[in-house]
Amino acid sequence: MATGLESYVNHTVSIITSDGRNFIGTLRGFDQTINLILDESHERVYSLTQGVEQVVLGLHIIRGDNVAIIGELDDEMDSQLDLTAIRAEPLTSVVH
């Protein structure tokens, strides 16, 4: 998996963790156990009653054993989203 992550370095990524959290930020680095370093990051918290809350985190490290999925985010498309209008159930934990 590490070789696939090299193409994401210095790009905006979305990370979903096994405990159901969604982090957005610029991937600055990673190690052999897929611990991830995000810069300019925030967490998106979903709700059925109000829009998506964005919690600013700044520089953030995510443990590799907690990463469920990672993907590159299209900055242009993401900037066009009206997060205040999006209603969704919060993500749940990944069940193995």
PDB file of N, CA and C in Angstrom:
ATOM      1  N   MET A   1       0.828  -1.198   0.000  1.00  0.00           N
ATOM      2  CA  MET A   1       0.000   0.000   0.000  1.00  0.00           C
ATOM      3  C   MET A   1       0.868   1.256   0.000  1.00  0.00           C
ATOM      4  N   ALA A   2       2.035   1.190   0.612  1.00  0.00           N
ATOM      5  CA  ALA A   2       2.871   2.381   0.734  1.00  0.00           C
ATOM      6  C   ALA A   2       3.244   2.958  -0.624  1.00  0.00           C
ATOM      7  N   THR A   3       3.557   2.119  -1.595  1.00  0.00           N
ATOM      8  CA  THR A   3       3.944   2.641  -2.902  1.00  0.00           C
ATOM      9  C   THR A   3       2.792   3.379  -3.563  1.00  0.00           C
ATOM     10  N   GLY A   4       1.570   2.962  -3.322  1.00  0.00           N
ATOM     11  CA  GLY A   4       0.408   3.656  -3.866  1.00  0.00           C
ATOM     12  C   GLY A   4       0.184   5.014  -3.223  1.00  0.00           C
ATOM     13  N   LEU A   5       0.626   5.170  -1.990  1.00  0.00           N
ATOM     14  CA  LEU A   5       0.438   6.441  -1.289  1.00  0.00           C
ATOM     15  C   LEU A   5       1.391   7.527  -1.768  1.00  0.00           C
ATOM     16  N   GLU A   6       2.501   7.143  -2.346  1.00  0.00           N
ATOM     17  CA  GLU A   6       3.489   8.131  -2.782  1.00  0.00           C
ATOM     18  C   GLU A   6       2.883   9.151  -3.744  1.00  0.00           C
ATOM     19  N   SER A   7       1.952   8.731  -4.578  1.00  0.00           N
ATOM     20  CA  SER A   7       1.333   9.649  -5.544  1.00  0.00           C
ATOM     21  C   SER A   7       0.390  10.642  -4.869  1.00  0.00           C
ATOM     22  N   TYR A   8      -0.010  10.373  -3.621  1.00  0.00           N
ATOM     23  CA  TYR A   8      -0.912  11.272  -2.889  1.00  0.00           C
ATOM     24  C   TYR A   8      -0.179  12.348  -2.092  1.00  0.00           C
ATOM     25  N   VAL A   9       1.126  12.193  -1.899  1.00  0.00           N
ATOM     26  CA  VAL A   9       1.895  13.159  -1.099  1.00  0.00           C
ATOM     27  C   VAL A   9       1.792  14.543  -1.740  1.00  0.00           C
ATOM     28  N   ASN A  10       1.525  15.549  -0.903  1.00  0.00           N
ATOM     29  CA  ASN A  10       1.324  16.950  -1.284  1.00  0.00           C
ATOM     30  C   ASN A  10       0.034  17.175  -2.077  1.00  0.00           C
ATOM     31  N   HIS A  11      -0.905  16.227  -1.984  1.00  0.00           N
ATOM     32  CA  HIS A  11      -2.229  16.391  -2.573  1.00  0.00           C
ATOM     33  C   HIS A  11      -3.273  16.339  -1.455  1.00  0.00           C
ATOM     34  N   THR A  12      -4.446  16.885  -1.724  1.00  0.00           N
ATOM     35  CA  THR A  12      -5.538  16.837  -0.765  1.00  0.00           C
ATOM     36  C   THR A  12      -6.165  15.452  -0.795  1.00  0.00           C
ATOM     37  N   VAL A  13      -6.313  14.856   0.388  1.00  0.00           N
ATOM     38  CA  VAL A  13      -6.884  13.519   0.500  1.00  0.00           C
ATOM     39  C   VAL A  13      -8.046  13.515   1.486  1.00  0.00           C
ATOM     40  N   SER A  14      -8.901  12.529   1.330  1.00  0.00           N
ATOM     41  CA  SER A  14      -9.969  12.248   2.282  1.00  0.00           C
ATOM     42  C   SER A  14      -9.666  10.900   2.900  1.00  0.00           C
ATOM     43  N   ILE A  15      -9.707  10.833   4.218  1.00  0.00           N
ATOM     44  CA  ILE A  15      -9.397   9.605   4.940  1.00  0.00           C
ATOM     45  C   ILE A  15     -10.585   9.250   5.812  1.00  0.00           C
ATOM     46  N   ILE A  16     -11.051   8.023   5.684  1.00  0.00           N
ATOM     47  CA  ILE A  16     -12.082   7.507   6.573  1.00  0.00           C
ATOM     48  C   ILE A  16     -11.405   6.500   7.482  1.00  0.00           C
ATOM     49  N   THR A  17     -11.604   6.680   8.779  1.00  0.00           N
ATOM     50  CA  THR A  17     -10.961   5.807   9.754  1.00  0.00           C
ATOM     51  C   THR A  17     -11.911   4.685  10.162  1.00  0.00           C
ATOM     52  N   SER A  18     -11.353   3.651  10.756  1.00  0.00           N
ATOM     53  CA  SER A  18     -12.168   2.497  11.140  1.00  0.00           C
ATOM     54  C   SER A  18     -13.180   2.833  12.236  1.00  0.00           C
ATOM     55  N   ASP A  19     -12.997   3.957  12.917  1.00  0.00           N
ATOM     56  CA  ASP A  19     -13.991   4.371  13.911  1.00  0.00           C
ATOM     57  C   ASP A  19     -15.027   5.331  13.319  1.00  0.00           C
ATOM     58  N   GLY A  20     -15.026   5.499  11.978  1.00  0.00           N
ATOM     59  CA  GLY A  20     -16.083   6.247  11.306  1.00  0.00           C
ATOM     60  C   GLY A  20     -15.863   7.739  11.191  1.00  0.00           C
ATOM     61  N   ARG A  21     -14.651   8.211  11.323  1.00  0.00           N
ATOM     62  CA  ARG A  21     -14.374   9.644  11.196  1.00  0.00           C
ATOM     63  C   ARG A  21     -13.858   9.951   9.791  1.00  0.00           C
ATOM     64  N   ASN A  22     -14.113  11.175   9.316  1.00  0.00           N
ATOM     65  CA  ASN A  22     -13.695  11.584   7.975  1.00  0.00           C
ATOM     66  C   ASN A  22     -12.777  12.793   8.108  1.00  0.00           C
ATOM     67  N   PHE A  23     -11.522  12.627   7.703  1.00  0.00           N
ATOM     68  CA  PHE A  23     -10.529  13.690   7.767  1.00  0.00           C
ATOM     69  C   PHE A  23     -10.167  14.124   6.353  1.00  0.00           C
ATOM     70  N   ILE A  24     -10.028  15.436   6.165  1.00  0.00           N
ATOM     71  CA  ILE A  24      -9.614  16.027   4.901  1.00  0.00           C
ATOM     72  C   ILE A  24      -8.358  16.844   5.180  1.00  0.00           C
ATOM     73  N   GLY A  25      -7.345  16.722   4.314  1.00  0.00           N
ATOM     74  CA  GLY A  25      -6.137  17.507   4.497  1.00  0.00           C
ATOM     75  C   GLY A  25      -5.110  17.190   3.426  1.00  0.00           C
ATOM     76  N   THR A  26      -3.992  17.881   3.497  1.00  0.00           N
ATOM     77  CA  THR A  26      -2.903  17.662   2.561  1.00  0.00           C
ATOM     78  C   THR A  26      -1.968  16.605   3.136  1.00  0.00           C
ATOM     79  N   LEU A  27      -1.803  15.505   2.411  1.00  0.00           N
ATOM     80  CA  LEU A  27      -0.917  14.444   2.880  1.00  0.00           C
ATOM     81  C   LEU A  27       0.526  14.906   2.747  1.00  0.00           C
ATOM     82  N   ARG A  28       1.222  14.995   3.867  1.00  0.00           N
ATOM     83  CA  ARG A  28       2.618  15.440   3.862  1.00  0.00           C
ATOM     84  C   ARG A  28       3.603  14.282   3.954  1.00  0.00           C
ATOM     85  N   GLY A  29       3.163  13.162   4.494  1.00  0.00           N
ATOM     86  CA  GLY A  29       4.068  12.027   4.596  1.00  0.00           C
ATOM     87  C   GLY A  29       3.400  10.835   5.242  1.00  0.00           C
ATOM     88  N   PHE A  30       4.118   9.707   5.216  1.00  0.00           N
ATOM     89  CA  PHE A  30       3.639   8.468   5.817  1.00  0.00           C
ATOM     90  C   PHE A  30       4.845   7.583   6.092  1.00  0.00           C
ATOM     91  N   ASP A  31       4.643   6.551   6.882  1.00  0.00           N
ATOM     92  CA  ASP A  31       5.732   5.612   7.151  1.00  0.00           C
ATOM     93  C   ASP A  31       5.326   4.197   6.746  1.00  0.00           C
ATOM     94  N   GLN A  32       6.159   3.211   7.081  1.00  0.00           N
ATOM     95  CA  GLN A  32       5.933   1.842   6.649  1.00  0.00           C
ATOM     96  C   GLN A  32       4.692   1.211   7.276  1.00  0.00           C
ATOM     97  N   THR A  33       4.190   1.755   8.365  1.00  0.00           N
ATOM     98  CA  THR A  33       2.970   1.229   8.978  1.00  0.00           C
ATOM     99  C   THR A  33       1.749   2.079   8.618  1.00  0.00           C
ATOM    100  N   ILE A  34       1.891   2.916   7.618  1.00  0.00           N
ATOM    101  CA  ILE A  34       0.828   3.771   7.062  1.00  0.00           C
ATOM    102  C   ILE A  34       0.333   4.804   8.071  1.00  0.00           C
ATOM    103  N   ASN A  35       1.166   5.185   9.055  1.00  0.00           N
ATOM    104  CA  ASN A  35       0.840   6.360   9.860  1.00  0.00           C
ATOM    105  C   ASN A  35       0.886   7.545   8.907  1.00  0.00           C
ATOM    106  N   LEU A  36      -0.127   8.399   8.941  1.00  0.00           N
ATOM    107  CA  LEU A  36      -0.256   9.485   7.974  1.00  0.00           C
ATOM    108  C   LEU A  36      -0.092  10.837   8.643  1.00  0.00           C
ATOM    109  N   ILE A  37       0.593  11.759   7.965  1.00  0.00           N
ATOM    110  CA  ILE A  37       0.730  13.130   8.445  1.00  0.00           C
ATOM    111  C   ILE A  37      -0.082  14.018   7.515  1.00  0.00           C
ATOM    112  N   LEU A  38      -1.097  14.679   8.092  1.00  0.00           N
ATOM    113  CA  LEU A  38      -1.936  15.603   7.335  1.00  0.00           C
ATOM    114  C   LEU A  38      -1.651  17.026   7.770  1.00  0.00           C
ATOM    115  N   ASP A  39      -1.593  17.936   6.803  1.00  0.00           N
ATOM    116  CA  ASP A  39      -1.417  19.355   7.083  1.00  0.00           C
ATOM    117  C   ASP A  39      -2.677  20.084   6.640  1.00  0.00           C
ATOM    118  N   GLU A  40      -2.960  21.220   7.275  1.00  0.00           N
ATOM    119  CA  GLU A  40      -4.146  22.018   6.946  1.00  0.00           C
ATOM    120  C   GLU A  40      -5.390  21.133   6.943  1.00  0.00           C
ATOM    121  N   SER A  41      -5.529  20.319   7.976  1.00  0.00           N
ATOM    122  CA  SER A  41      -6.591  19.320   8.003  1.00  0.00           C
ATOM    123  C   SER A  41      -7.807  19.774   8.800  1.00  0.00           C
ATOM    124  N   HIS A  42      -8.909  19.095   8.504  1.00  0.00           N
ATOM    125  CA  HIS A  42     -10.134  19.274   9.265  1.00  0.00           C
ATOM    126  C   HIS A  42     -10.912  17.968   9.243  1.00  0.00           C
ATOM    127  N   GLU A  43     -11.784  17.822  10.224  1.00  0.00           N
ATOM    128  CA  GLU A  43     -12.668  16.660  10.284  1.00  0.00           C
ATOM    129  C   GLU A  43     -14.057  17.111   9.880  1.00  0.00           C
ATOM    130  N   ARG A  44     -14.724  16.306   9.060  1.00  0.00           N
ATOM    131  CA  ARG A  44     -16.105  16.585   8.680  1.00  0.00           C
ATOM    132  C   ARG A  44     -17.015  15.696   9.516  1.00  0.00           C
ATOM    133  N   VAL A  45     -17.943  16.356  10.235  1.00  0.00           N
ATOM    134  CA  VAL A  45     -18.872  15.643  11.102  1.00  0.00           C
ATOM    135  C   VAL A  45     -20.262  15.763  10.491  1.00  0.00           C
ATOM    136  N   TYR A  46     -20.865  14.617  10.194  1.00  0.00           N
ATOM    137  CA  TYR A  46     -22.162  14.578   9.511  1.00  0.00           C
ATOM    138  C   TYR A  46     -23.294  14.461  10.517  1.00  0.00           C
ATOM    139  N   SER A  47     -24.469  15.003  10.132  1.00  0.00           N
ATOM    140  CA  SER A  47     -25.637  15.010  10.999  1.00  0.00           C
ATOM    141  C   SER A  47     -26.896  14.971  10.140  1.00  0.00           C
ATOM    142  N   LEU A  48     -27.951  14.366  10.674  1.00  0.00           N
ATOM    143  CA  LEU A  48     -29.236  14.350   9.968  1.00  0.00           C
ATOM    144  C   LEU A  48     -30.020  15.640  10.161  1.00  0.00           C
ATOM    145  N   THR A  49     -29.666  16.433  11.184  1.00  0.00           N
ATOM    146  CA  THR A  49     -30.453  17.620  11.515  1.00  0.00           C
ATOM    147  C   THR A  49     -29.816  18.941  11.105  1.00  0.00           C
ATOM    148  N   GLN A  50     -28.530  18.945  10.836  1.00  0.00           N
ATOM    149  CA  GLN A  50     -27.856  20.185  10.445  1.00  0.00           C
ATOM    150  C   GLN A  50     -26.778  19.871   9.420  1.00  0.00           C
ATOM    151  N   GLY A  51     -26.232  20.891   8.819  1.00  0.00           N
ATOM    152  CA  GLY A  51     -25.208  20.707   7.799  1.00  0.00           C
ATOM    153  C   GLY A  51     -23.946  20.075   8.340  1.00  0.00           C
ATOM    154  N   VAL A  52     -23.017  19.814   7.448  1.00  0.00           N
ATOM    155  CA  VAL A  52     -21.746  19.193   7.816  1.00  0.00           C
ATOM    156  C   VAL A  52     -20.915  20.196   8.616  1.00  0.00           C
ATOM    157  N   GLU A  53     -20.492  19.781   9.805  1.00  0.00           N
ATOM    158  CA  GLU A  53     -19.620  20.616  10.634  1.00  0.00           C
ATOM    159  C   GLU A  53     -18.175  20.287  10.274  1.00  0.00           C
ATOM    160  N   GLN A  54     -17.353  21.323  10.113  1.00  0.00           N
ATOM    161  CA  GLN A  54     -15.937  21.125   9.829  1.00  0.00           C
ATOM    162  C   GLN A  54     -15.124  21.594  11.029  1.00  0.00           C
ATOM    163  N   VAL A  55     -14.453  20.664  11.666  1.00  0.00           N
ATOM    164  CA  VAL A  55     -13.642  20.945  12.842  1.00  0.00           C
ATOM    165  C   VAL A  55     -12.189  21.096  12.390  1.00  0.00           C
ATOM    166  N   VAL A  56     -11.643  22.294  12.523  1.00  0.00           N
ATOM    167  CA  VAL A  56     -10.275  22.574  12.080  1.00  0.00           C
ATOM    168  C   VAL A  56      -9.285  21.897  13.025  1.00  0.00           C
ATOM    169  N   LEU A  57      -8.324  21.164  12.448  1.00  0.00           N
ATOM    170  CA  LEU A  57      -7.333  20.433  13.235  1.00  0.00           C
ATOM    171  C   LEU A  57      -5.908  20.912  12.982  1.00  0.00           C
ATOM    172  N   GLY A  58      -5.635  21.456  11.802  1.00  0.00           N
ATOM    173  CA  GLY A  58      -4.277  21.873  11.462  1.00  0.00           C
ATOM    174  C   GLY A  58      -3.414  20.676  11.133  1.00  0.00           C
ATOM    175  N   LEU A  59      -2.216  20.602  11.718  1.00  0.00           N
ATOM    176  CA  LEU A  59      -1.319  19.460  11.513  1.00  0.00           C
ATOM    177  C   LEU A  59      -1.846  18.296  12.350  1.00  0.00           C
ATOM    178  N   HIS A  60      -2.048  17.142  11.695  1.00  0.00           N
ATOM    179  CA  HIS A  60      -2.708  16.017  12.371  1.00  0.00           C
ATOM    180  C   HIS A  60      -2.052  14.709  11.938  1.00  0.00           C
ATOM    181  N   ILE A  61      -1.881  13.793  12.876  1.00  0.00           N
ATOM    182  CA  ILE A  61      -1.316  12.475  12.579  1.00  0.00           C
ATOM    183  C   ILE A  61      -2.392  11.424  12.817  1.00  0.00           C
ATOM    184  N   ILE A  62      -2.542  10.512  11.845  1.00  0.00           N
ATOM    185  CA  ILE A  62      -3.516   9.429  11.953  1.00  0.00           C
ATOM    186  C   ILE A  62      -2.746   8.112  11.982  1.00  0.00           C
ATOM    187  N   ARG A  63      -3.004   7.303  13.000  1.00  0.00           N
ATOM    188  CA  ARG A  63      -2.333   6.001  13.114  1.00  0.00           C
ATOM    189  C   ARG A  63      -2.741   5.093  11.958  1.00  0.00           C
ATOM    190  N   GLY A  64      -1.774   4.398  11.414  1.00  0.00           N
ATOM    191  CA  GLY A  64      -2.014   3.540  10.267  1.00  0.00           C
ATOM    192  C   GLY A  64      -3.013   2.430  10.520  1.00  0.00           C
ATOM    193  N   ASP A  65      -3.031   1.882  11.744  1.00  0.00           N
ATOM    194  CA  ASP A  65      -3.958   0.792  12.028  1.00  0.00           C
ATOM    195  C   ASP A  65      -5.400   1.266  12.159  1.00  0.00           C
ATOM    196  N   ASN A  66      -5.615   2.579  12.091  1.00  0.00           N
ATOM    197  CA  ASN A  66      -6.962   3.134  12.171  1.00  0.00           C
ATOM    198  C   ASN A  66      -7.491   3.581  10.800  1.00  0.00           C
ATOM    199  N   VAL A  67      -6.674   3.497   9.747  1.00  0.00           N
ATOM    200  CA  VAL A  67      -7.088   3.938   8.414  1.00  0.00           C
ATOM    201  C   VAL A  67      -7.898   2.841   7.738  1.00  0.00           C
ATOM    202  N   ALA A  68      -9.133   3.174   7.335  1.00  0.00           N
ATOM    203  CA  ALA A  68      -9.978   2.225   6.600  1.00  0.00           C
ATOM    204  C   ALA A  68      -9.850   2.454   5.100  1.00  0.00           C
ATOM    205  N   ILE A  69      -9.862   3.738   4.672  1.00  0.00           N
ATOM    206  CA  ILE A  69      -9.772   4.064   3.253  1.00  0.00           C
ATOM    207  C   ILE A  69      -9.173   5.455   3.088  1.00  0.00           C
ATOM    208  N   ILE A  70      -8.422   5.626   2.009  1.00  0.00           N
ATOM    209  CA  ILE A  70      -7.836   6.924   1.690  1.00  0.00           C
ATOM    210  C   ILE A  70      -7.979   7.144   0.192  1.00  0.00           C
ATOM    211  N   GLY A  71      -8.317   8.368  -0.179  1.00  0.00           N
ATOM    212  CA  GLY A  71      -8.437   8.690  -1.591  1.00  0.00           C
ATOM    213  C   GLY A  71      -8.138  10.155  -1.837  1.00  0.00           C
ATOM    214  N   GLU A  72      -7.730  10.463  -3.065  1.00  0.00           N
ATOM    215  CA  GLU A  72      -7.442  11.849  -3.429  1.00  0.00           C
ATOM    216  C   GLU A  72      -8.751  12.604  -3.600  1.00  0.00           C
ATOM    217  N   LEU A  73      -8.771  13.849  -3.165  1.00  0.00           N
ATOM    218  CA  LEU A  73      -9.958  14.689  -3.232  1.00  0.00           C
ATOM    219  C   LEU A  73      -9.795  15.698  -4.357  1.00  0.00           C
ATOM    220  N   ASP A  74     -10.822  15.859  -5.159  1.00  0.00           N
ATOM    221  CA  ASP A  74     -10.827  16.854  -6.234  1.00  0.00           C
ATOM    222  C   ASP A  74     -11.145  18.208  -5.599  1.00  0.00           C
ATOM    223  N   ASP A  75     -10.129  19.073  -5.437  1.00  0.00           N
ATOM    224  CA  ASP A  75     -10.305  20.361  -4.753  1.00  0.00           C
ATOM    225  C   ASP A  75     -11.366  21.233  -5.419  1.00  0.00           C
ATOM    226  N   GLU A  76     -11.381  21.256  -6.736  1.00  0.00           N
ATOM    227  CA  GLU A  76     -12.333  22.103  -7.462  1.00  0.00           C
ATOM    228  C   GLU A  76     -13.765  21.637  -7.216  1.00  0.00           C
ATOM    229  N   MET A  77     -13.996  20.358  -7.313  1.00  0.00           N
ATOM    230  CA  MET A  77     -15.344  19.828  -7.103  1.00  0.00           C
ATOM    231  C   MET A  77     -15.761  19.990  -5.639  1.00  0.00           C
ATOM    232  N   ASP A  78     -14.830  19.761  -4.724  1.00  0.00           N
ATOM    233  CA  ASP A  78     -15.132  19.882  -3.302  1.00  0.00           C
ATOM    234  C   ASP A  78     -15.490  21.315  -2.928  1.00  0.00           C
ATOM    235  N   SER A  79     -14.827  22.292  -3.547  1.00  0.00           N
ATOM    236  CA  SER A  79     -15.109  23.692  -3.225  1.00  0.00           C
ATOM    237  C   SER A  79     -16.503  24.122  -3.697  1.00  0.00           C
ATOM    238  N   GLN A  80     -17.098  23.389  -4.608  1.00  0.00           N
ATOM    239  CA  GLN A  80     -18.433  23.715  -5.107  1.00  0.00           C
ATOM    240  C   GLN A  80     -19.548  23.139  -4.248  1.00  0.00           C
ATOM    241  N   LEU A  81     -19.210  22.269  -3.305  1.00  0.00           N
ATOM    242  CA  LEU A  81     -20.215  21.670  -2.432  1.00  0.00           C
ATOM    243  C   LEU A  81     -20.720  22.678  -1.409  1.00  0.00           C
ATOM    244  N   ASP A  82     -22.021  22.661  -1.175  1.00  0.00           N
ATOM    245  CA  ASP A  82     -22.611  23.466  -0.104  1.00  0.00           C
ATOM    246  C   ASP A  82     -22.769  22.552   1.107  1.00  0.00           C
ATOM    247  N   LEU A  83     -21.742  22.512   1.941  1.00  0.00           N
ATOM    248  CA  LEU A  83     -21.741  21.593   3.075  1.00  0.00           C
ATOM    249  C   LEU A  83     -22.840  21.910   4.092  1.00  0.00           C
ATOM    250  N   THR A  84     -23.333  23.147   4.124  1.00  0.00           N
ATOM    251  CA  THR A  84     -24.401  23.496   5.064  1.00  0.00           C
ATOM    252  C   THR A  84     -25.724  22.858   4.666  1.00  0.00           C
ATOM    253  N   ALA A  85     -25.861  22.447   3.412  1.00  0.00           N
ATOM    254  CA  ALA A  85     -27.108  21.847   2.930  1.00  0.00           C
ATOM    255  C   ALA A  85     -27.082  20.321   2.947  1.00  0.00           C
ATOM    256  N   ILE A  86     -25.931  19.737   3.219  1.00  0.00           N
ATOM    257  CA  ILE A  86     -25.814  18.276   3.194  1.00  0.00           C
ATOM    258  C   ILE A  86     -26.247  17.703   4.543  1.00  0.00           C
ATOM    259  N   ARG A  87     -27.176  16.746   4.468  1.00  0.00           N
ATOM    260  CA  ARG A  87     -27.639  16.026   5.656  1.00  0.00           C
ATOM    261  C   ARG A  87     -27.315  14.552   5.445  1.00  0.00           C
ATOM    262  N   ALA A  88     -26.703  13.922   6.424  1.00  0.00           N
ATOM    263  CA  ALA A  88     -26.350  12.515   6.311  1.00  0.00           C
ATOM    264  C   ALA A  88     -26.187  11.910   7.689  1.00  0.00           C
ATOM    265  N   GLU A  89     -26.423  10.616   7.772  1.00  0.00           N
ATOM    266  CA  GLU A  89     -26.168   9.927   9.025  1.00  0.00           C
ATOM    267  C   GLU A  89     -24.680   9.910   9.298  1.00  0.00           C
ATOM    268  N   PRO A  90     -24.278  10.071  10.541  1.00  0.00           N
ATOM    269  CA  PRO A  90     -22.855   9.976  10.865  1.00  0.00           C
ATOM    270  C   PRO A  90     -22.337   8.592  10.472  1.00  0.00           C
ATOM    271  N   LEU A  91     -21.084   8.534  10.071  1.00  0.00           N
ATOM    272  CA  LEU A  91     -20.475   7.253   9.714  1.00  0.00           C
ATOM    273  C   LEU A  91     -20.350   6.392  10.957  1.00  0.00           C
ATOM    274  N   THR A  92     -20.485   5.093  10.769  1.00  0.00           N
ATOM    275  CA  THR A  92     -20.335   4.177  11.901  1.00  0.00           C
ATOM    276  C   THR A  92     -18.983   3.493  11.814  1.00  0.00           C
ATOM    277  N   SER A  93     -18.638   2.769  12.848  1.00  0.00           N
ATOM    278  CA  SER A  93     -17.371   2.044  12.884  1.00  0.00           C
ATOM    279  C   SER A  93     -17.369   0.946  11.833  1.00  0.00           C
ATOM    280  N   VAL A  94     -16.176   0.644  11.341  1.00  0.00           N
ATOM    281  CA  VAL A  94     -16.008  -0.447  10.385  1.00  0.00           C
ATOM    282  C   VAL A  94     -16.044  -1.748  11.185  1.00  0.00           C
ATOM    283  N   VAL A  95     -16.880  -2.680  10.748  1.00  0.00           N
ATOM    284  CA  VAL A  95     -16.992  -3.967  11.434  1.00  0.00           C
ATOM    285  C   VAL A  95     -16.266  -5.014  10.610  1.00  0.00           C
ATOM    286  N   HIS A  96     -15.340  -5.722  11.225  1.00  0.00           N
ATOM    287  CA  HIS A  96     -14.568  -6.767  10.525  1.00  0.00           C
ATOM    288  C   HIS A  96     -15.209  -8.098  10.725  1.00  0.00           C
TER     289      HIS A  96
END
